[in-house]
Amino acid sequence: MAKIKEAADRLFGRKFVCKRCKKTIKANQMKIRAKKIPCPRCGSRDFRPKKKEKRMVAGTAK
């Protein structure tokens, strides 16, 4: 994925995805674990870290 540490931090650091509605938010990890941050869309407090996305090169789709 991102070979540069700064790029990886920008794309995946401090980003979490709501388990109920799949909304992505940027928040502090300690507040997410303490369940202090609600989802702005559905109000749930269950989040997971954002996974690294698989990138496809143009023309290689199977």
PDB file of N, CA and C in Angstrom:
ATOM      1  N   MET A   1       0.835  -1.178   0.000  1.00  0.00           N
ATOM      2  CA  MET A   1       0.000   0.000   0.000  1.00  0.00           C
ATOM      3  C   MET A   1       0.881   1.243   0.000  1.00  0.00           C
ATOM      4  N   ALA A   2       0.666   2.091   0.966  1.00  0.00           N
ATOM      5  CA  ALA A   2       1.439   3.324   1.038  1.00  0.00           C
ATOM      6  C   ALA A   2       2.818   3.014   1.597  1.00  0.00           C
ATOM      7  N   LYS A   3       3.847   3.290   0.825  1.00  0.00           N
ATOM      8  CA  LYS A   3       5.208   2.990   1.250  1.00  0.00           C
ATOM      9  C   LYS A   3       5.785   4.108   2.106  1.00  0.00           C
ATOM     10  N   ILE A   4       5.187   5.261   2.055  1.00  0.00           N
ATOM     11  CA  ILE A   4       5.654   6.401   2.829  1.00  0.00           C
ATOM     12  C   ILE A   4       4.842   6.450   4.126  1.00  0.00           C
ATOM     13  N   LYS A   5       5.532   6.552   5.252  1.00  0.00           N
ATOM     14  CA  LYS A   5       4.859   6.510   6.552  1.00  0.00           C
ATOM     15  C   LYS A   5       3.844   7.638   6.708  1.00  0.00           C
ATOM     16  N   GLU A   6       4.180   8.824   6.242  1.00  0.00           N
ATOM     17  CA  GLU A   6       3.259   9.956   6.362  1.00  0.00           C
ATOM     18  C   GLU A   6       1.975   9.707   5.572  1.00  0.00           C
ATOM     19  N   ALA A   7       2.108   9.088   4.407  1.00  0.00           N
ATOM     20  CA  ALA A   7       0.925   8.793   3.596  1.00  0.00           C
ATOM     21  C   ALA A   7       0.054   7.744   4.284  1.00  0.00           C
ATOM     22  N   ALA A   8       0.673   6.733   4.873  1.00  0.00           N
ATOM     23  CA  ALA A   8      -0.089   5.703   5.583  1.00  0.00           C
ATOM     24  C   ALA A   8      -0.818   6.300   6.783  1.00  0.00           C
ATOM     25  N   ASP A   9      -0.163   7.199   7.509  1.00  0.00           N
ATOM     26  CA  ASP A   9      -0.812   7.852   8.646  1.00  0.00           C
ATOM     27  C   ASP A   9      -1.988   8.706   8.194  1.00  0.00           C
ATOM     28  N   ARG A  10      -1.842   9.380   7.075  1.00  0.00           N
ATOM     29  CA  ARG A  10      -2.921  10.229   6.572  1.00  0.00           C
ATOM     30  C   ARG A  10      -4.122   9.392   6.136  1.00  0.00           C
ATOM     31  N   LEU A  11      -3.858   8.252   5.489  1.00  0.00           N
ATOM     32  CA  LEU A  11      -4.940   7.432   4.962  1.00  0.00           C
ATOM     33  C   LEU A  11      -5.616   6.572   6.025  1.00  0.00           C
ATOM     34  N   PHE A  12      -4.843   6.039   6.984  1.00  0.00           N
ATOM     35  CA  PHE A  12      -5.396   5.058   7.908  1.00  0.00           C
ATOM     36  C   PHE A  12      -5.275   5.436   9.376  1.00  0.00           C
ATOM     37  N   GLY A  13      -4.415   6.382   9.715  1.00  0.00           N
ATOM     38  CA  GLY A  13      -4.228   6.751  11.116  1.00  0.00           C
ATOM     39  C   GLY A  13      -5.408   7.548  11.641  1.00  0.00           C
ATOM     40  N   ARG A  14      -5.871   7.221  12.836  1.00  0.00           N
ATOM     41  CA  ARG A  14      -6.981   7.905  13.503  1.00  0.00           C
ATOM     42  C   ARG A  14      -8.290   7.825  12.738  1.00  0.00           C
ATOM     43  N   LYS A  15      -8.440   6.906  11.789  1.00  0.00           N
ATOM     44  CA  LYS A  15      -9.694   6.766  11.054  1.00  0.00           C
ATOM     45  C   LYS A  15     -10.388   5.494  11.504  1.00  0.00           C
ATOM     46  N   PHE A  16     -11.676   5.629  11.770  1.00  0.00           N
ATOM     47  CA  PHE A  16     -12.469   4.511  12.253  1.00  0.00           C
ATOM     48  C   PHE A  16     -13.760   4.436  11.457  1.00  0.00           C
ATOM     49  N   VAL A  17     -14.310   3.204  11.349  1.00  0.00           N
ATOM     50  CA  VAL A  17     -15.514   2.959  10.575  1.00  0.00           C
ATOM     51  C   VAL A  17     -16.595   2.443  11.520  1.00  0.00           C
ATOM     52  N   CYS A  18     -17.781   3.017  11.430  1.00  0.00           N
ATOM     53  CA  CYS A  18     -18.910   2.582  12.247  1.00  0.00           C
ATOM     54  C   CYS A  18     -19.312   1.173  11.823  1.00  0.00           C
ATOM     55  N   LYS A  19     -19.534   0.298  12.793  1.00  0.00           N
ATOM     56  CA  LYS A  19     -19.900  -1.083  12.482  1.00  0.00           C
ATOM     57  C   LYS A  19     -21.348  -1.204  12.029  1.00  0.00           C
ATOM     58  N   ARG A  20     -22.172  -0.219  12.335  1.00  0.00           N
ATOM     59  CA  ARG A  20     -23.578  -0.307  11.972  1.00  0.00           C
ATOM     60  C   ARG A  20     -23.868   0.309  10.599  1.00  0.00           C
ATOM     61  N   CYS A  21     -23.358   1.521  10.341  1.00  0.00           N
ATOM     62  CA  CYS A  21     -23.722   2.217   9.096  1.00  0.00           C
ATOM     63  C   CYS A  21     -22.546   2.444   8.151  1.00  0.00           C
ATOM     64  N   LYS A  22     -21.323   2.027   8.523  1.00  0.00           N
ATOM     65  CA  LYS A  22     -20.114   2.115   7.686  1.00  0.00           C
ATOM     66  C   LYS A  22     -19.636   3.543   7.431  1.00  0.00           C
ATOM     67  N   LYS A  23     -20.017   4.483   8.281  1.00  0.00           N
ATOM     68  CA  LYS A  23     -19.536   5.866   8.160  1.00  0.00           C
ATOM     69  C   LYS A  23     -18.112   5.953   8.680  1.00  0.00           C
ATOM     70  N   THR A  24     -17.227   6.612   7.946  1.00  0.00           N
ATOM     71  CA  THR A  24     -15.834   6.784   8.348  1.00  0.00           C
ATOM     72  C   THR A  24     -15.677   8.118   9.068  1.00  0.00           C
ATOM     73  N   ILE A  25     -15.035   8.076  10.247  1.00  0.00           N
ATOM     74  CA  ILE A  25     -14.769   9.300  11.000  1.00  0.00           C
ATOM     75  C   ILE A  25     -13.307   9.324  11.415  1.00  0.00           C
ATOM     76  N   LYS A  26     -12.822  10.508  11.737  1.00  0.00           N
ATOM     77  CA  LYS A  26     -11.460  10.683  12.237  1.00  0.00           C
ATOM     78  C   LYS A  26     -11.578  11.094  13.699  1.00  0.00           C
ATOM     79  N   ALA A  27     -10.976  10.286  14.596  1.00  0.00           N
ATOM     80  CA  ALA A  27     -11.098  10.562  16.025  1.00  0.00           C
ATOM     81  C   ALA A  27      -9.905   9.987  16.773  1.00  0.00           C
ATOM     82  N   ASN A  28      -9.788  10.373  18.034  1.00  0.00           N
ATOM     83  CA  ASN A  28      -8.732   9.884  18.903  1.00  0.00           C
ATOM     84  C   ASN A  28      -9.033   8.438  19.311  1.00  0.00           C
ATOM     85  N   GLN A  29      -8.027   7.570  19.272  1.00  0.00           N
ATOM     86  CA  GLN A  29      -8.218   6.159  19.565  1.00  0.00           C
ATOM     87  C   GLN A  29      -8.667   5.927  21.011  1.00  0.00           C
ATOM     88  N   MET A  30      -8.160   6.694  21.948  1.00  0.00           N
ATOM     89  CA  MET A  30      -8.539   6.517  23.349  1.00  0.00           C
ATOM     90  C   MET A  30     -10.018   6.858  23.571  1.00  0.00           C
ATOM     91  N   LYS A  31     -10.524   7.871  22.876  1.00  0.00           N
ATOM     92  CA  LYS A  31     -11.937   8.217  23.009  1.00  0.00           C
ATOM     93  C   LYS A  31     -12.829   7.166  22.354  1.00  0.00           C
ATOM     94  N   ILE A  32     -12.351   6.561  21.261  1.00  0.00           N
ATOM     95  CA  ILE A  32     -13.110   5.493  20.608  1.00  0.00           C
ATOM     96  C   ILE A  32     -13.204   4.289  21.534  1.00  0.00           C
ATOM     97  N   ARG A  33     -12.086   3.912  22.160  1.00  0.00           N
ATOM     98  CA  ARG A  33     -12.086   2.758  23.074  1.00  0.00           C
ATOM     99  C   ARG A  33     -12.938   3.000  24.306  1.00  0.00           C
ATOM    100  N   ALA A  34     -12.983   4.236  24.783  1.00  0.00           N
ATOM    101  CA  ALA A  34     -13.803   4.569  25.948  1.00  0.00           C
ATOM    102  C   ALA A  34     -15.268   4.766  25.573  1.00  0.00           C
ATOM    103  N   LYS A  35     -15.590   4.653  24.290  1.00  0.00           N
ATOM    104  CA  LYS A  35     -16.942   4.811  23.750  1.00  0.00           C
ATOM    105  C   LYS A  35     -17.530   6.190  24.064  1.00  0.00           C
ATOM    106  N   LYS A  36     -16.685   7.222  23.960  1.00  0.00           N
ATOM    107  CA  LYS A  36     -17.129   8.595  24.191  1.00  0.00           C
ATOM    108  C   LYS A  36     -17.609   9.263  22.910  1.00  0.00           C
ATOM    109  N   ILE A  37     -17.257   8.701  21.751  1.00  0.00           N
ATOM    110  CA  ILE A  37     -17.585   9.310  20.460  1.00  0.00           C
ATOM    111  C   ILE A  37     -18.756   8.550  19.823  1.00  0.00           C
ATOM    112  N   PRO A  38     -19.888   9.213  19.576  1.00  0.00           N
ATOM    113  CA  PRO A  38     -20.972   8.546  18.846  1.00  0.00           C
ATOM    114  C   PRO A  38     -20.819   8.758  17.339  1.00  0.00           C
ATOM    115  N   CYS A  39     -21.409   7.881  16.584  1.00  0.00           N
ATOM    116  CA  CYS A  39     -21.415   8.030  15.124  1.00  0.00           C
ATOM    117  C   CYS A  39     -22.317   9.212  14.775  1.00  0.00           C
ATOM    118  N   PRO A  40     -21.860  10.124  13.915  1.00  0.00           N
ATOM    119  CA  PRO A  40     -22.698  11.279  13.563  1.00  0.00           C
ATOM    120  C   PRO A  40     -23.932  10.898  12.748  1.00  0.00           C
ATOM    121  N   ARG A  41     -23.904   9.747  12.090  1.00  0.00           N
ATOM    122  CA  ARG A  41     -25.020   9.348  11.242  1.00  0.00           C
ATOM    123  C   ARG A  41     -26.074   8.550  12.010  1.00  0.00           C
ATOM    124  N   CYS A  42     -25.639   7.500  12.768  1.00  0.00           N
ATOM    125  CA  CYS A  42     -26.617   6.607  13.392  1.00  0.00           C
ATOM    126  C   CYS A  42     -26.600   6.649  14.916  1.00  0.00           C
ATOM    127  N   GLY A  43     -25.578   7.234  15.534  1.00  0.00           N
ATOM    128  CA  GLY A  43     -25.527   7.338  16.985  1.00  0.00           C
ATOM    129  C   GLY A  43     -24.876   6.158  17.686  1.00  0.00           C
ATOM    130  N   SER A  44     -24.454   5.151  16.949  1.00  0.00           N
ATOM    131  CA  SER A  44     -23.799   3.983  17.540  1.00  0.00           C
ATOM    132  C   SER A  44     -22.419   4.366  18.069  1.00  0.00           C
ATOM    133  N   ARG A  45     -21.917   3.601  19.016  1.00  0.00           N
ATOM    134  CA  ARG A  45     -20.585   3.847  19.571  1.00  0.00           C
ATOM    135  C   ARG A  45     -19.638   2.684  19.292  1.00  0.00           C
ATOM    136  N   ASP A  46     -19.990   1.826  18.344  1.00  0.00           N
ATOM    137  CA  ASP A  46     -19.157   0.679  17.974  1.00  0.00           C
ATOM    138  C   ASP A  46     -18.402   1.001  16.694  1.00  0.00           C
ATOM    139  N   PHE A  47     -17.066   1.066  16.792  1.00  0.00           N
ATOM    140  CA  PHE A  47     -16.221   1.397  15.652  1.00  0.00           C
ATOM    141  C   PHE A  47     -15.134   0.348  15.498  1.00  0.00           C
ATOM    142  N   ARG A  48     -14.586   0.251  14.303  1.00  0.00           N
ATOM    143  CA  ARG A  48     -13.418  -0.579  14.021  1.00  0.00           C
ATOM    144  C   ARG A  48     -12.411   0.294  13.294  1.00  0.00           C
ATOM    145  N   PRO A  49     -11.118  -0.053  13.369  1.00  0.00           N
ATOM    146  CA  PRO A  49     -10.123   0.713  12.609  1.00  0.00           C
ATOM    147  C   PRO A  49     -10.340   0.530  11.111  1.00  0.00           C
ATOM    148  N   LYS A  50     -10.005   1.536  10.340  1.00  0.00           N
ATOM    149  CA  LYS A  50     -10.129   1.436   8.889  1.00  0.00           C
ATOM    150  C   LYS A  50      -9.102   0.456   8.355  1.00  0.00           C
ATOM    151  N   LYS A  51      -9.551  -0.451   7.480  1.00  0.00           N
ATOM    152  CA  LYS A  51      -8.655  -1.444   6.890  1.00  0.00           C
ATOM    153  C   LYS A  51      -7.955  -0.843   5.686  1.00  0.00           C
ATOM    154  N   LYS A  52      -6.794  -1.373   5.381  1.00  0.00           N
ATOM    155  CA  LYS A  52      -6.070  -0.929   4.195  1.00  0.00           C
ATOM    156  C   LYS A  52      -6.830  -1.396   2.958  1.00  0.00           C
ATOM    157  N   GLU A  53      -7.027  -0.487   2.022  1.00  0.00           N
ATOM    158  CA  GLU A  53      -7.799  -0.787   0.823  1.00  0.00           C
ATOM    159  C   GLU A  53      -6.942  -1.513  -0.198  1.00  0.00           C
ATOM    160  N   LYS A  54      -7.550  -2.430  -0.921  1.00  0.00           N
ATOM    161  CA  LYS A  54      -6.847  -3.092  -2.014  1.00  0.00           C
ATOM    162  C   LYS A  54      -6.991  -2.219  -3.248  1.00  0.00           C
ATOM    163  N   ARG A  55      -5.888  -1.927  -3.879  1.00  0.00           N
ATOM    164  CA  ARG A  55      -5.893  -1.083  -5.078  1.00  0.00           C
ATOM    165  C   ARG A  55      -5.687  -1.965  -6.299  1.00  0.00           C
ATOM    166  N   MET A  56      -6.455  -1.714  -7.353  1.00  0.00           N
ATOM    167  CA  MET A  56      -6.321  -2.475  -8.590  1.00  0.00           C
ATOM    168  C   MET A  56      -5.655  -1.588  -9.632  1.00  0.00           C
ATOM    169  N   VAL A  57      -4.746  -2.157 -10.379  1.00  0.00           N
ATOM    170  CA  VAL A  57      -4.097  -1.439 -11.465  1.00  0.00           C
ATOM    171  C   VAL A  57      -5.052  -1.452 -12.656  1.00  0.00           C
ATOM    172  N   ALA A  58      -5.165  -0.342 -13.365  1.00  0.00           N
ATOM    173  CA  ALA A  58      -6.084  -0.236 -14.494  1.00  0.00           C
ATOM    174  C   ALA A  58      -5.764  -1.287 -15.546  1.00  0.00           C
ATOM    175  N   GLY A  59      -6.798  -1.977 -15.994  1.00  0.00           N
ATOM    176  CA  GLY A  59      -6.627  -2.967 -17.053  1.00  0.00           C
ATOM    177  C   GLY A  59      -6.324  -4.369 -16.561  1.00  0.00           C
ATOM    178  N   THR A  60      -6.256  -4.575 -15.246  1.00  0.00           N
ATOM    179  CA  THR A  60      -5.967  -5.913 -14.740  1.00  0.00           C
ATOM    180  C   THR A  60      -7.160  -6.525 -14.020  1.00  0.00           C
ATOM    181  N   ALA A  61      -8.346  -5.966 -14.192  1.00  0.00           N
ATOM    182  CA  ALA A  61      -9.530  -6.518 -13.538  1.00  0.00           C
ATOM    183  C   ALA A  61      -9.857  -7.881 -14.132  1.00  0.00           C
ATOM    184  N   LYS A  62     -10.226  -8.789 -13.248  1.00  0.00           N
ATOM    185  CA  LYS A  62     -10.534 -10.154 -13.721  1.00  0.00           C
ATOM    186  C   LYS A  62     -12.010 -10.395 -13.757  1.00  0.00           C
TER     187      LYS A  62
END
